[in-house]
Amino acid sequence: LYASSIRVFPSSLEYAREGILAAGVYANRKFVGDAVSF
């Protein structure tokens, strides 16, 4: 995946930077686990 090519909703990155995240973010990160490399 090319991160810079993925469209996001305006201000979602700003709120994510402030730690305002849905609980599902942590669950999804655990679900994918080591299968993703950044």
PDB file of all heavy atoms in Angstrom:
ATOM      1  N   LEU A   1       0.837  -1.200   0.000  1.00  0.00           N
ATOM      2  CA  LEU A   1       0.000   0.000   0.000  1.00  0.00           C
ATOM      3  C   LEU A   1       0.871   1.249   0.000  1.00  0.00           C
ATOM      4  O   LEU A   1       1.960   1.269   0.589  1.00  0.00           O
ATOM      5  CB  LEU A   1      -0.910   0.020   1.237  1.00  0.00           C
ATOM      6  CG  LEU A   1      -1.930  -1.109   1.391  1.00  0.00           C
ATOM      7  CD1 LEU A   1      -2.725  -0.924   2.676  1.00  0.00           C
ATOM      8  CD2 LEU A   1      -2.862  -1.184   0.188  1.00  0.00           C
ATOM      9  N   TYR A   2       0.344   2.302  -0.639  1.00  0.00           N
ATOM     10  CA  TYR A   2       1.025   3.590  -0.686  1.00  0.00           C
ATOM     11  C   TYR A   2       0.254   4.555   0.218  1.00  0.00           C
ATOM     12  O   TYR A   2      -0.811   5.068  -0.157  1.00  0.00           O
ATOM     13  CB  TYR A   2       1.074   4.129  -2.109  1.00  0.00           C
ATOM     14  CG  TYR A   2       1.289   3.070  -3.169  1.00  0.00           C
ATOM     15  CD1 TYR A   2       0.442   2.991  -4.284  1.00  0.00           C
ATOM     16  CD2 TYR A   2       2.319   2.134  -3.055  1.00  0.00           C
ATOM     17  CE1 TYR A   2       0.633   2.027  -5.260  1.00  0.00           C
ATOM     18  CE2 TYR A   2       2.515   1.162  -4.016  1.00  0.00           C
ATOM     19  CZ  TYR A   2       1.664   1.107  -5.120  1.00  0.00           C
ATOM     20  OH  TYR A   2       1.841   0.135  -6.078  1.00  0.00           O
ATOM     21  N   ALA A   3       0.797   4.809   1.396  1.00  0.00           N
ATOM     22  CA  ALA A   3       0.064   5.577   2.407  1.00  0.00           C
ATOM     23  C   ALA A   3      -0.354   6.954   1.899  1.00  0.00           C
ATOM     24  O   ALA A   3      -1.471   7.418   2.179  1.00  0.00           O
ATOM     25  CB  ALA A   3       0.913   5.711   3.668  1.00  0.00           C
ATOM     26  N   SER A   4       0.510   7.621   1.148  1.00  0.00           N
ATOM     27  CA  SER A   4       0.217   8.978   0.697  1.00  0.00           C
ATOM     28  C   SER A   4      -0.891   9.034  -0.351  1.00  0.00           C
ATOM     29  O   SER A   4      -1.442  10.104  -0.629  1.00  0.00           O
ATOM     30  CB  SER A   4       1.486   9.629   0.126  1.00  0.00           C
ATOM     31  OG  SER A   4       1.964   8.904  -0.992  1.00  0.00           O
ATOM     32  N   SER A   5      -1.233   7.883  -0.932  1.00  0.00           N
ATOM     33  CA  SER A   5      -2.266   7.846  -1.975  1.00  0.00           C
ATOM     34  C   SER A   5      -3.654   7.560  -1.418  1.00  0.00           C
ATOM     35  O   SER A   5      -4.647   7.642  -2.153  1.00  0.00           O
ATOM     36  CB  SER A   5      -1.917   6.777  -3.017  1.00  0.00           C
ATOM     37  OG  SER A   5      -0.691   7.067  -3.651  1.00  0.00           O
ATOM     38  N   ILE A   6      -3.739   7.198  -0.144  1.00  0.00           N
ATOM     39  CA  ILE A   6      -5.019   6.809   0.461  1.00  0.00           C
ATOM     40  C   ILE A   6      -5.754   8.058   0.936  1.00  0.00           C
ATOM     41  O   ILE A   6      -5.245   8.806   1.780  1.00  0.00           O
ATOM     42  CB  ILE A   6      -4.791   5.833   1.623  1.00  0.00           C
ATOM     43  CG1 ILE A   6      -4.084   4.576   1.118  1.00  0.00           C
ATOM     44  CG2 ILE A   6      -6.121   5.466   2.290  1.00  0.00           C
ATOM     45  CD1 ILE A   6      -3.594   3.656   2.225  1.00  0.00           C
ATOM     46  N   ARG A   7      -6.924   8.286   0.407  1.00  0.00           N
ATOM     47  CA  ARG A   7      -7.730   9.445   0.810  1.00  0.00           C
ATOM     48  C   ARG A   7      -8.307   9.242   2.196  1.00  0.00           C
ATOM     49  O   ARG A   7      -8.799   8.156   2.535  1.00  0.00           O
ATOM     50  CB  ARG A   7      -8.866   9.703  -0.177  1.00  0.00           C
ATOM     51  CG  ARG A   7      -8.413  10.243  -1.530  1.00  0.00           C
ATOM     52  CD  ARG A   7      -9.613  10.521  -2.421  1.00  0.00           C
ATOM     53  NE  ARG A   7     -10.500  11.488  -1.805  1.00  0.00           N
ATOM     54  CZ  ARG A   7     -11.826  11.342  -1.709  1.00  0.00           C
ATOM     55  NH1 ARG A   7     -12.413  10.277  -2.196  1.00  0.00           N
ATOM     56  NH2 ARG A   7     -12.552  12.270  -1.142  1.00  0.00           N
ATOM     57  N   VAL A   8      -8.246  10.288   3.017  1.00  0.00           N
ATOM     58  CA  VAL A   8      -8.808  10.237   4.367  1.00  0.00           C
ATOM     59  C   VAL A   8      -9.756  11.416   4.548  1.00  0.00           C
ATOM     60  O   VAL A   8      -9.664  12.425   3.845  1.00  0.00           O
ATOM     61  CB  VAL A   8      -7.703  10.273   5.443  1.00  0.00           C
ATOM     62  CG1 VAL A   8      -6.726   9.116   5.262  1.00  0.00           C
ATOM     63  CG2 VAL A   8      -6.952  11.601   5.429  1.00  0.00           C
ATOM     64  N   PHE A   9     -10.676  11.279   5.499  1.00  0.00           N
ATOM     65  CA  PHE A   9     -11.573  12.381   5.803  1.00  0.00           C
ATOM     66  C   PHE A   9     -10.783  13.528   6.435  1.00  0.00           C
ATOM     67  O   PHE A   9      -9.915  13.295   7.288  1.00  0.00           O
ATOM     68  CB  PHE A   9     -12.676  11.932   6.762  1.00  0.00           C
ATOM     69  CG  PHE A   9     -13.745  11.110   6.110  1.00  0.00           C
ATOM     70  CD1 PHE A   9     -13.813   9.739   6.329  1.00  0.00           C
ATOM     71  CD2 PHE A   9     -14.693  11.695   5.293  1.00  0.00           C
ATOM     72  CE1 PHE A   9     -14.797   8.975   5.738  1.00  0.00           C
ATOM     73  CE2 PHE A   9     -15.685  10.935   4.691  1.00  0.00           C
ATOM     74  CZ  PHE A   9     -15.736   9.582   4.910  1.00  0.00           C
ATOM     75  N   PRO A  10     -11.094  14.760   6.033  1.00  0.00           N
ATOM     76  CA  PRO A  10     -10.423  15.908   6.640  1.00  0.00           C
ATOM     77  C   PRO A  10     -10.550  15.878   8.163  1.00  0.00           C
ATOM     78  O   PRO A  10     -11.600  15.536   8.704  1.00  0.00           O
ATOM     79  CB  PRO A  10     -11.178  17.105   6.049  1.00  0.00           C
ATOM     80  CG  PRO A  10     -11.722  16.595   4.753  1.00  0.00           C
ATOM     81  CD  PRO A  10     -12.059  15.155   5.000  1.00  0.00           C
ATOM     82  N   SER A  11      -9.486  16.208   8.840  1.00  0.00           N
ATOM     83  CA  SER A  11      -9.359  16.290  10.306  1.00  0.00           C
ATOM     84  C   SER A  11      -9.200  14.933  10.988  1.00  0.00           C
ATOM     85  O   SER A  11      -8.914  14.882  12.184  1.00  0.00           O
ATOM     86  CB  SER A  11     -10.526  17.055  10.950  1.00  0.00           C
ATOM     87  OG  SER A  11     -11.722  16.312  10.955  1.00  0.00           O
ATOM     88  N   SER A  12      -9.364  13.807  10.279  1.00  0.00           N
ATOM     89  CA  SER A  12      -9.188  12.510  10.939  1.00  0.00           C
ATOM     90  C   SER A  12      -7.746  12.321  11.401  1.00  0.00           C
ATOM     91  O   SER A  12      -7.495  11.782  12.485  1.00  0.00           O
ATOM     92  CB  SER A  12      -9.617  11.363  10.025  1.00  0.00           C
ATOM     93  OG  SER A  12      -8.849  11.330   8.839  1.00  0.00           O
ATOM     94  N   LEU A  13      -6.785  12.773  10.607  1.00  0.00           N
ATOM     95  CA  LEU A  13      -5.378  12.671  11.005  1.00  0.00           C
ATOM     96  C   LEU A  13      -5.092  13.558  12.208  1.00  0.00           C
ATOM     97  O   LEU A  13      -4.341  13.168  13.112  1.00  0.00           O
ATOM     98  CB  LEU A  13      -4.467  13.063   9.841  1.00  0.00           C
ATOM     99  CG  LEU A  13      -4.372  12.061   8.684  1.00  0.00           C
ATOM    100  CD1 LEU A  13      -3.569  12.645   7.530  1.00  0.00           C
ATOM    101  CD2 LEU A  13      -3.752  10.758   9.151  1.00  0.00           C
ATOM    102  N   GLU A  14      -5.704  14.736  12.237  1.00  0.00           N
ATOM    103  CA  GLU A  14      -5.505  15.655  13.363  1.00  0.00           C
ATOM    104  C   GLU A  14      -6.008  15.042  14.665  1.00  0.00           C
ATOM    105  O   GLU A  14      -5.313  15.065  15.684  1.00  0.00           O
ATOM    106  CB  GLU A  14      -6.231  16.972  13.079  1.00  0.00           C
ATOM    107  CG  GLU A  14      -6.183  17.962  14.228  1.00  0.00           C
ATOM    108  CD  GLU A  14      -7.057  19.175  13.970  1.00  0.00           C
ATOM    109  OE1 GLU A  14      -7.420  19.413  12.805  1.00  0.00           O
ATOM    110  OE2 GLU A  14      -7.380  19.880  14.952  1.00  0.00           O
ATOM    111  N   TYR A  15      -7.200  14.456  14.618  1.00  0.00           N
ATOM    112  CA  TYR A  15      -7.741  13.842  15.834  1.00  0.00           C
ATOM    113  C   TYR A  15      -6.948  12.594  16.221  1.00  0.00           C
ATOM    114  O   TYR A  15      -6.724  12.325  17.411  1.00  0.00           O
ATOM    115  CB  TYR A  15      -9.218  13.509  15.642  1.00  0.00           C
ATOM    116  CG  TYR A  15     -10.101  14.733  15.669  1.00  0.00           C
ATOM    117  CD1 TYR A  15     -10.841  15.107  14.546  1.00  0.00           C
ATOM    118  CD2 TYR A  15     -10.190  15.518  16.806  1.00  0.00           C
ATOM    119  CE1 TYR A  15     -11.632  16.245  14.559  1.00  0.00           C
ATOM    120  CE2 TYR A  15     -10.968  16.653  16.835  1.00  0.00           C
ATOM    121  CZ  TYR A  15     -11.694  17.011  15.709  1.00  0.00           C
ATOM    122  OH  TYR A  15     -12.474  18.143  15.727  1.00  0.00           O
ATOM    123  N   ALA A  16      -6.506  11.840  15.231  1.00  0.00           N
ATOM    124  CA  ALA A  16      -5.686  10.662  15.524  1.00  0.00           C
ATOM    125  C   ALA A  16      -4.384  11.080  16.190  1.00  0.00           C
ATOM    126  O   ALA A  16      -3.896  10.415  17.122  1.00  0.00           O
ATOM    127  CB  ALA A  16      -5.405   9.888  14.241  1.00  0.00           C
ATOM    128  N   ARG A  17      -3.806  12.186  15.740  1.00  0.00           N
ATOM    129  CA  ARG A  17      -2.570  12.705  16.328  1.00  0.00           C
ATOM    130  C   ARG A  17      -2.778  13.063  17.794  1.00  0.00           C
ATOM    131  O   ARG A  17      -1.852  12.957  18.609  1.00  0.00           O
ATOM    132  CB  ARG A  17      -2.109  13.922  15.526  1.00  0.00           C
ATOM    133  CG  ARG A  17      -0.657  14.310  15.750  1.00  0.00           C
ATOM    134  CD  ARG A  17      -0.257  15.452  14.809  1.00  0.00           C
ATOM    135  NE  ARG A  17      -0.305  15.016  13.413  1.00  0.00           N
ATOM    136  CZ  ARG A  17      -1.080  15.546  12.489  1.00  0.00           C
ATOM    137  NH1 ARG A  17      -1.928  16.518  12.807  1.00  0.00           N
ATOM    138  NH2 ARG A  17      -1.045  15.117  11.241  1.00  0.00           N
ATOM    139  N   GLU A  18      -3.999  13.460  18.141  1.00  0.00           N
ATOM    140  CA  GLU A  18      -4.329  13.820  19.519  1.00  0.00           C
ATOM    141  C   GLU A  18      -4.761  12.615  20.345  1.00  0.00           C
ATOM    142  O   GLU A  18      -5.104  12.745  21.521  1.00  0.00           O
ATOM    143  CB  GLU A  18      -5.435  14.882  19.521  1.00  0.00           C
ATOM    144  CG  GLU A  18      -5.014  16.202  18.878  1.00  0.00           C
ATOM    145  CD  GLU A  18      -6.167  17.181  18.758  1.00  0.00           C
ATOM    146  OE1 GLU A  18      -7.279  16.837  19.230  1.00  0.00           O
ATOM    147  OE2 GLU A  18      -5.963  18.270  18.204  1.00  0.00           O
ATOM    148  N   GLY A  19      -4.774  11.435  19.728  1.00  0.00           N
ATOM    149  CA  GLY A  19      -5.117  10.216  20.455  1.00  0.00           C
ATOM    150  C   GLY A  19      -6.599   9.952  20.577  1.00  0.00           C
ATOM    151  O   GLY A  19      -7.035   9.140  21.402  1.00  0.00           O
ATOM    152  N   ILE A  20      -7.405  10.623  19.744  1.00  0.00           N
ATOM    153  CA  ILE A  20      -8.864  10.427  19.774  1.00  0.00           C
ATOM    154  C   ILE A  20      -9.186   9.312  18.784  1.00  0.00           C
ATOM    155  O   ILE A  20      -9.333   9.545  17.581  1.00  0.00           O
ATOM    156  CB  ILE A  20      -9.589  11.732  19.420  1.00  0.00           C
ATOM    157  CG1 ILE A  20      -9.211  12.813  20.435  1.00  0.00           C
ATOM    158  CG2 ILE A  20     -11.100  11.527  19.389  1.00  0.00           C
ATOM    159  CD1 ILE A  20      -9.580  14.206  20.015  1.00  0.00           C
ATOM    160  N   LEU A  21      -9.295   8.103  19.313  1.00  0.00           N
ATOM    161  CA  LEU A  21      -9.432   6.925  18.462  1.00  0.00           C
ATOM    162  C   LEU A  21     -10.595   6.054  18.930  1.00  0.00           C
ATOM    163  O   LEU A  21     -10.886   5.971  20.126  1.00  0.00           O
ATOM    164  CB  LEU A  21      -8.147   6.083  18.512  1.00  0.00           C
ATOM    165  CG  LEU A  21      -6.837   6.791  18.136  1.00  0.00           C
ATOM    166  CD1 LEU A  21      -5.661   5.871  18.421  1.00  0.00           C
ATOM    167  CD2 LEU A  21      -6.847   7.222  16.685  1.00  0.00           C
ATOM    168  N   ALA A  22     -11.234   5.413  17.964  1.00  0.00           N
ATOM    169  CA  ALA A  22     -12.255   4.416  18.288  1.00  0.00           C
ATOM    170  C   ALA A  22     -11.577   3.189  18.889  1.00  0.00           C
ATOM    171  O   ALA A  22     -10.431   2.857  18.563  1.00  0.00           O
ATOM    172  CB  ALA A  22     -13.028   4.032  17.026  1.00  0.00           C
ATOM    173  N   ALA A  23     -12.285   2.500  19.775  1.00  0.00           N
ATOM    174  CA  ALA A  23     -11.720   1.300  20.400  1.00  0.00           C
ATOM    175  C   ALA A  23     -11.333   0.260  19.364  1.00  0.00           C
ATOM    176  O   ALA A  23     -10.379  -0.515  19.548  1.00  0.00           O
ATOM    177  CB  ALA A  23     -12.729   0.714  21.391  1.00  0.00           C
ATOM    178  N   GLY A  24     -12.046   0.256  18.240  1.00  0.00           N
ATOM    179  CA  GLY A  24     -11.776  -0.713  17.194  1.00  0.00           C
ATOM    180  C   GLY A  24     -10.396  -0.569  16.570  1.00  0.00           C
ATOM    181  O   GLY A  24      -9.877  -1.522  15.976  1.00  0.00           O
ATOM    182  N   VAL A  25      -9.775   0.610  16.684  1.00  0.00           N
ATOM    183  CA  VAL A  25      -8.423   0.787  16.156  1.00  0.00           C
ATOM    184  C   VAL A  25      -7.470  -0.203  16.821  1.00  0.00           C
ATOM    185  O   VAL A  25      -6.658  -0.861  16.168  1.00  0.00           O
ATOM    186  CB  VAL A  25      -7.933   2.233  16.363  1.00  0.00           C
ATOM    187  CG1 VAL A  25      -6.443   2.363  16.035  1.00  0.00           C
ATOM    188  CG2 VAL A  25      -8.749   3.205  15.517  1.00  0.00           C
ATOM    189  N   TYR A  26      -7.575  -0.306  18.157  1.00  0.00           N
ATOM    190  CA  TYR A  26      -6.689  -1.198  18.901  1.00  0.00           C
ATOM    191  C   TYR A  26      -7.021  -2.664  18.613  1.00  0.00           C
ATOM    192  O   TYR A  26      -6.123  -3.498  18.482  1.00  0.00           O
ATOM    193  CB  TYR A  26      -6.815  -0.908  20.398  1.00  0.00           C
ATOM    194  CG  TYR A  26      -6.545   0.548  20.736  1.00  0.00           C
ATOM    195  CD1 TYR A  26      -7.604   1.437  20.972  1.00  0.00           C
ATOM    196  CD2 TYR A  26      -5.246   1.051  20.773  1.00  0.00           C
ATOM    197  CE1 TYR A  26      -7.366   2.775  21.264  1.00  0.00           C
ATOM    198  CE2 TYR A  26      -5.007   2.380  21.063  1.00  0.00           C
ATOM    199  CZ  TYR A  26      -6.061   3.235  21.301  1.00  0.00           C
ATOM    200  OH  TYR A  26      -5.834   4.564  21.577  1.00  0.00           O
ATOM    201  N   ALA A  27      -8.294  -2.961  18.493  1.00  0.00           N
ATOM    202  CA  ALA A  27      -8.705  -4.335  18.186  1.00  0.00           C
ATOM    203  C   ALA A  27      -8.229  -4.747  16.801  1.00  0.00           C
ATOM    204  O   ALA A  27      -7.766  -5.877  16.599  1.00  0.00           O
ATOM    205  CB  ALA A  27     -10.229  -4.460  18.289  1.00  0.00           C
ATOM    206  N   ASN A  28      -8.321  -3.840  15.844  1.00  0.00           N
ATOM    207  CA  ASN A  28      -7.892  -4.156  14.481  1.00  0.00           C
ATOM    208  C   ASN A  28      -6.382  -4.313  14.393  1.00  0.00           C
ATOM    209  O   ASN A  28      -5.873  -5.169  13.659  1.00  0.00           O
ATOM    210  CB  ASN A  28      -8.371  -3.069  13.516  1.00  0.00           C
ATOM    211  CG  ASN A  28      -9.873  -3.102  13.308  1.00  0.00           C
ATOM    212  OD1 ASN A  28     -10.519  -4.124  13.544  1.00  0.00           O
ATOM    213  ND2 ASN A  28     -10.446  -1.993  12.877  1.00  0.00           N
ATOM    214  N   ARG A  29      -5.661  -3.481  15.129  1.00  0.00           N
ATOM    215  CA  ARG A  29      -4.204  -3.609  15.146  1.00  0.00           C
ATOM    216  C   ARG A  29      -3.809  -4.974  15.729  1.00  0.00           C
ATOM    217  O   ARG A  29      -2.892  -5.642  15.225  1.00  0.00           O
ATOM    218  CB  ARG A  29      -3.584  -2.481  15.964  1.00  0.00           C
ATOM    219  CG  ARG A  29      -2.063  -2.428  15.879  1.00  0.00           C
ATOM    220  CD  ARG A  29      -1.530  -1.316  16.753  1.00  0.00           C
ATOM    221  NE  ARG A  29      -1.749   0.003  16.200  1.00  0.00           N
ATOM    222  CZ  ARG A  29      -0.921   0.609  15.348  1.00  0.00           C
ATOM    223  NH1 ARG A  29       0.166  -0.019  14.927  1.00  0.00           N
ATOM    224  NH2 ARG A  29      -1.181   1.814  14.907  1.00  0.00           N
ATOM    225  N   LYS A  30      -4.500  -5.406  16.775  1.00  0.00           N
ATOM    226  CA  LYS A  30      -4.224  -6.715  17.372  1.00  0.00           C
ATOM    227  C   LYS A  30      -4.594  -7.837  16.414  1.00  0.00           C
ATOM    228  O   LYS A  30      -3.897  -8.847  16.306  1.00  0.00           O
ATOM    229  CB  LYS A  30      -5.005  -6.860  18.675  1.00  0.00           C
ATOM    230  CG  LYS A  30      -4.748  -8.159  19.423  1.00  0.00           C
ATOM    231  CD  LYS A  30      -5.508  -8.198  20.740  1.00  0.00           C
ATOM    232  CE  LYS A  30      -5.250  -9.505  21.481  1.00  0.00           C
ATOM    233  NZ  LYS A  30      -6.015  -9.556  22.760  1.00  0.00           N
ATOM    234  N   PHE A  31      -5.700  -7.662  15.688  1.00  0.00           N
ATOM    235  CA  PHE A  31      -6.169  -8.673  14.726  1.00  0.00           C
ATOM    236  C   PHE A  31      -5.145  -8.895  13.618  1.00  0.00           C
ATOM    237  O   PHE A  31      -4.815 -10.031  13.262  1.00  0.00           O
ATOM    238  CB  PHE A  31      -7.506  -8.226  14.134  1.00  0.00           C
ATOM    239  CG  PHE A  31      -7.970  -9.022  12.939  1.00  0.00           C
ATOM    240  CD1 PHE A  31      -8.218 -10.377  13.035  1.00  0.00           C
ATOM    241  CD2 PHE A  31      -8.166  -8.408  11.710  1.00  0.00           C
ATOM    242  CE1 PHE A  31      -8.653 -11.110  11.934  1.00  0.00           C
ATOM    243  CE2 PHE A  31      -8.599  -9.120  10.605  1.00  0.00           C
ATOM    244  CZ  PHE A  31      -8.833 -10.478  10.730  1.00  0.00           C
ATOM    245  N   VAL A  32      -4.608  -7.821  13.068  1.00  0.00           N
ATOM    246  CA  VAL A  32      -3.643  -7.937  11.982  1.00  0.00           C
ATOM    247  C   VAL A  32      -2.275  -8.358  12.512  1.00  0.00           C
ATOM    248  O   VAL A  32      -1.555  -9.133  11.889  1.00  0.00           O
ATOM    249  CB  VAL A  32      -3.538  -6.601  11.212  1.00  0.00           C
ATOM    250  CG1 VAL A  32      -2.433  -6.665  10.177  1.00  0.00           C
ATOM    251  CG2 VAL A  32      -4.869  -6.275  10.550  1.00  0.00           C
ATOM    252  N   GLY A  33      -1.910  -7.852  13.700  1.00  0.00           N
ATOM    253  CA  GLY A  33      -0.680  -8.276  14.354  1.00  0.00           C
ATOM    254  C   GLY A  33       0.566  -7.991  13.534  1.00  0.00           C
ATOM    255  O   GLY A  33       0.751  -6.905  12.972  1.00  0.00           O
ATOM    256  N   ASP A  34       1.434  -8.992  13.433  1.00  0.00           N
ATOM    257  CA  ASP A  34       2.709  -8.841  12.736  1.00  0.00           C
ATOM    258  C   ASP A  34       2.578  -8.994  11.223  1.00  0.00           C
ATOM    259  O   ASP A  34       3.592  -9.010  10.519  1.00  0.00           O
ATOM    260  CB  ASP A  34       3.715  -9.865  13.259  1.00  0.00           C
ATOM    261  CG  ASP A  34       4.052  -9.640  14.725  1.00  0.00           C
ATOM    262  OD1 ASP A  34       3.970  -8.482  15.165  1.00  0.00           O
ATOM    263  OD2 ASP A  34       4.383 -10.620  15.420  1.00  0.00           O
ATOM    264  N   ALA A  35       1.362  -9.118  10.721  1.00  0.00           N
ATOM    265  CA  ALA A  35       1.166  -9.320   9.281  1.00  0.00           C
ATOM    266  C   ALA A  35       1.346  -8.031   8.487  1.00  0.00           C
ATOM    267  O   ALA A  35       1.341  -8.059   7.268  1.00  0.00           O
ATOM    268  CB  ALA A  35      -0.222  -9.898   9.010  1.00  0.00           C
ATOM    269  N   VAL A  36       1.496  -6.885   9.173  1.00  0.00           N
ATOM    270  CA  VAL A  36       1.677  -5.611   8.477  1.00  0.00           C
ATOM    271  C   VAL A  36       3.000  -4.989   8.880  1.00  0.00           C
ATOM    272  O   VAL A  36       3.393  -5.041  10.053  1.00  0.00           O
ATOM    273  CB  VAL A  36       0.506  -4.643   8.753  1.00  0.00           C
ATOM    274  CG1 VAL A  36       0.387  -4.320  10.219  1.00  0.00           C
ATOM    275  CG2 VAL A  36       0.635  -3.366   7.933  1.00  0.00           C
ATOM    276  N   SER A  37       3.686  -4.420   7.901  1.00  0.00           N
ATOM    277  CA  SER A  37       4.956  -3.747   8.134  1.00  0.00           C
ATOM    278  C   SER A  37       4.848  -2.315   7.628  1.00  0.00           C
ATOM    279  O   SER A  37       4.382  -2.086   6.501  1.00  0.00           O
ATOM    280  CB  SER A  37       6.087  -4.479   7.403  1.00  0.00           C
ATOM    281  OG  SER A  37       7.291  -3.748   7.461  1.00  0.00           O
ATOM    282  N   PHE A  38       5.250  -1.358   8.460  1.00  0.00           N
ATOM    283  CA  PHE A  38       5.204   0.056   8.080  1.00  0.00           C
ATOM    284  C   PHE A  38       6.615   0.556   7.803  1.00  0.00           C
ATOM    285  O   PHE A  38       7.542   0.291   8.569  1.00  0.00           O
ATOM    286  CB  PHE A  38       4.576   0.902   9.186  1.00  0.00           C
ATOM    287  CG  PHE A  38       3.135   0.583   9.459  1.00  0.00           C
ATOM    288  CD1 PHE A  38       2.774  -0.247  10.509  1.00  0.00           C
ATOM    289  CD2 PHE A  38       2.136   1.114   8.660  1.00  0.00           C
ATOM    290  CE1 PHE A  38       1.444  -0.541  10.761  1.00  0.00           C
ATOM    291  CE2 PHE A  38       0.798   0.824   8.903  1.00  0.00           C
ATOM    292  CZ  PHE A  38       0.455  -0.003   9.955  1.00  0.00           C
TER     293      PHE A  38
END
